[in-house]
C-alpha atoms as a PDB file:
ATOM      1  CA  MET A   1      30.831  62.434  28.106  1.00  0.00           C
ATOM      2  CA  ASN A   2      30.288  60.016  30.809  1.00  0.00           C
ATOM      3  CA  LYS A   3      27.165  58.001  31.676  1.00  0.00           C
ATOM      4  CA  GLY A   4      25.901  60.838  34.050  1.00  0.00           C
ATOM      5  CA  ASP A   5      26.231  63.466  31.264  1.00  0.00           C
ATOM      6  CA  LEU A   6      24.447  61.230  28.842  1.00  0.00           C
ATOM      7  CA  ILE A   7      21.651  60.644  31.205  1.00  0.00           C
ATOM      8  CA  GLU A   8      21.252  64.353  31.735  1.00  0.00           C
ATOM      9  CA  ALA A   9      21.259  64.948  28.002  1.00  0.00           C
ATOM     10  CA  MET A  10      18.689  62.368  27.444  1.00  0.00           C
ATOM     11  CA  ALA A  11      16.391  63.656  30.040  1.00  0.00           C
ATOM     12  CA  LYS A  12      16.558  67.182  28.716  1.00  0.00           C
ATOM     13  CA  ASN A  13      16.048  66.120  25.087  1.00  0.00           C
ATOM     14  CA  ALA A  14      13.188  63.825  25.864  1.00  0.00           C
ATOM     15  CA  ASN A  15      11.766  66.204  28.512  1.00  0.00           C
ATOM     16  CA  ILE A  16      11.798  63.376  31.114  1.00  0.00           C
ATOM     17  CA  SER A  17      13.294  63.081  34.511  1.00  0.00           C
ATOM     18  CA  LYS A  18      16.877  62.039  35.007  1.00  0.00           C
ATOM     19  CA  ALA A  19      15.607  58.888  36.963  1.00  0.00           C
ATOM     20  CA  GLN A  20      13.450  57.821  33.758  1.00  0.00           C
ATOM     21  CA  ALA A  21      16.277  58.550  31.538  1.00  0.00           C
ATOM     22  CA  GLY A  22      18.578  56.486  33.775  1.00  0.00           C
ATOM     23  CA  LYS A  23      16.297  53.605  33.804  1.00  0.00           C
ATOM     24  CA  ALA A  24      15.814  53.743  29.970  1.00  0.00           C
ATOM     25  CA  LEU A  25      19.691  53.859  29.387  1.00  0.00           C
ATOM     26  CA  ASP A  26      20.259  51.077  31.932  1.00  0.00           C
ATOM     27  CA  SER A  27      17.523  48.980  30.188  1.00  0.00           C
ATOM     28  CA  PHE A  28      19.106  49.594  26.752  1.00  0.00           C
ATOM     29  CA  ILE A  29      22.528  48.609  27.911  1.00  0.00           C
ATOM     30  CA  ASP A  30      21.279  45.461  29.722  1.00  0.00           C
ATOM     31  CA  ASN A  31      19.183  44.341  26.823  1.00  0.00           C
ATOM     32  CA  THR A  32      21.954  44.987  24.357  1.00  0.00           C
ATOM     33  CA  MET A  33      24.566  43.020  26.414  1.00  0.00           C
ATOM     34  CA  THR A  34      22.063  40.135  26.835  1.00  0.00           C
ATOM     35  CA  ALA A  35      21.350  39.969  23.150  1.00  0.00           C
ATOM     36  CA  VAL A  36      24.974  40.143  22.069  1.00  0.00           C
ATOM     37  CA  LYS A  37      25.940  37.480  24.683  1.00  0.00           C
ATOM     38  CA  LYS A  38      23.406  35.241  23.126  1.00  0.00           C
ATOM     39  CA  GLY A  39      25.069  35.696  19.643  1.00  0.00           C
ATOM     40  CA  ASN A  40      22.399  38.060  18.347  1.00  0.00           C
ATOM     41  CA  LYS A  41      22.971  41.279  16.609  1.00  0.00           C
ATOM     42  CA  VAL A  42      21.415  44.585  17.765  1.00  0.00           C
ATOM     43  CA  THR A  43      20.958  46.950  14.950  1.00  0.00           C
ATOM     44  CA  LEU A  44      20.068  50.635  15.261  1.00  0.00           C
ATOM     45  CA  VAL A  45      19.689  51.988  11.750  1.00  0.00           C
ATOM     46  CA  GLY A  46      21.788  55.044  11.180  1.00  0.00           C
ATOM     47  CA  PHE A  47      23.687  54.547  14.558  1.00  0.00           C
ATOM     48  CA  GLY A  48      25.290  51.067  14.229  1.00  0.00           C
ATOM     49  CA  THR A  49      25.362  47.361  14.989  1.00  0.00           C
ATOM     50  CA  PHE A  50      26.440  45.650  18.247  1.00  0.00           C
ATOM     51  CA  SER A  51      27.595  41.990  17.652  1.00  0.00           C
ATOM     52  CA  SER A  52      29.813  39.379  18.892  1.00  0.00           C
ATOM     53  CA  SER A  53      32.690  37.476  17.157  1.00  0.00           C
ATOM     54  CA  LYS A  54      34.696  34.396  18.068  1.00  0.00           C
ATOM     55  CA  ARG A  55      38.415  34.703  18.118  1.00  0.00           C
ATOM     56  CA  ALA A  56      40.328  31.582  17.402  1.00  0.00           C
ATOM     57  CA  ALA A  57      43.167  30.397  19.760  1.00  0.00           C
ATOM     58  CA  ARG A  58      46.621  31.543  18.628  1.00  0.00           C
ATOM     59  CA  THR A  59      50.322  31.779  19.681  1.00  0.00           C
ATOM     60  CA  GLY A  60      51.760  35.155  20.632  1.00  0.00           C
ATOM     61  CA  ARG A  61      54.855  36.494  22.092  1.00  0.00           C
ATOM     62  CA  ASN A  62      55.669  38.102  25.468  1.00  0.00           C
ATOM     63  CA  PRO A  63      57.035  41.465  24.511  1.00  0.00           C
ATOM     64  CA  GLN A  64      59.388  41.690  27.364  1.00  0.00           C
ATOM     65  CA  THR A  65      60.926  38.056  27.068  1.00  0.00           C
ATOM     66  CA  GLY A  66      60.228  37.127  23.499  1.00  0.00           C
ATOM     67  CA  ALA A  67      58.850  33.695  24.836  1.00  0.00           C
ATOM     68  CA  GLU A  68      55.896  32.173  22.957  1.00  0.00           C
ATOM     69  CA  ILE A  69      52.530  32.167  24.861  1.00  0.00           C
ATOM     70  CA  LYS A  70      49.294  30.460  24.012  1.00  0.00           C
ATOM     71  CA  ILE A  71      46.312  32.939  23.822  1.00  0.00           C
ATOM     72  CA  SER A  72      43.091  31.061  24.274  1.00  0.00           C
ATOM     73  CA  ALA A  73      40.025  31.310  22.064  1.00  0.00           C
ATOM     74  CA  LYS A  74      37.363  33.884  23.250  1.00  0.00           C
ATOM     75  CA  THR A  75      34.245  35.797  22.261  1.00  0.00           C
ATOM     76  CA  VAL A  76      34.546  39.455  21.816  1.00  0.00           C
ATOM     77  CA  ALA A  77      32.076  42.271  21.466  1.00  0.00           C
ATOM     78  CA  LYS A  78      32.045  44.427  18.386  1.00  0.00           C
ATOM     79  CA  PHE A  79      30.480  47.604  17.324  1.00  0.00           C
ATOM     80  CA  LYS A  80      30.173  48.799  13.660  1.00  0.00           C
ATOM     81  CA  PRO A  81      28.993  52.380  13.309  1.00  0.00           C
ATOM     82  CA  GLY A  82      26.242  53.066  10.711  1.00  0.00           C
ATOM     83  CA  LYS A  83      26.600  55.420   7.781  1.00  0.00           C
ATOM     84  CA  GLU A  84      24.760  58.240   9.494  1.00  0.00           C
ATOM     85  CA  PHE A  85      26.781  58.021  12.530  1.00  0.00           C
ATOM     86  CA  SER A  86      30.034  57.953  10.653  1.00  0.00           C
ATOM     87  CA  ASP A  87      29.014  60.826   8.462  1.00  0.00           C
ATOM     88  CA  LYS A  88      28.132  62.957  11.471  1.00  0.00           C
ATOM     89  CA  VAL A  89      31.582  62.157  13.196  1.00  0.00           C
ATOM     90  CA  ASN A  90      33.547  62.814   9.962  1.00  0.00           C
ATOM     91  CA  GLY A  91      31.683  65.825   8.751  1.00  0.00           C
END
């Protein structure tokens, strides 16, 4: 399912236009990314939690040459599915 498919399904399920569903989805995505970027968690009970995590700098290896390389620290996005989401996917 791509974004267009999701918008179409949202519009059908909520009995709204595709334009309204698209705006709602874009708003959700924008607000979620903004909150996670600020270090906040976005929790949707039953669905899951979006958050960010800091990765420390570390030393890695170039798989082709075997040479050591430095991997800089960075912040990464995380998603932890909720129980209801996991149960639906697994069952």
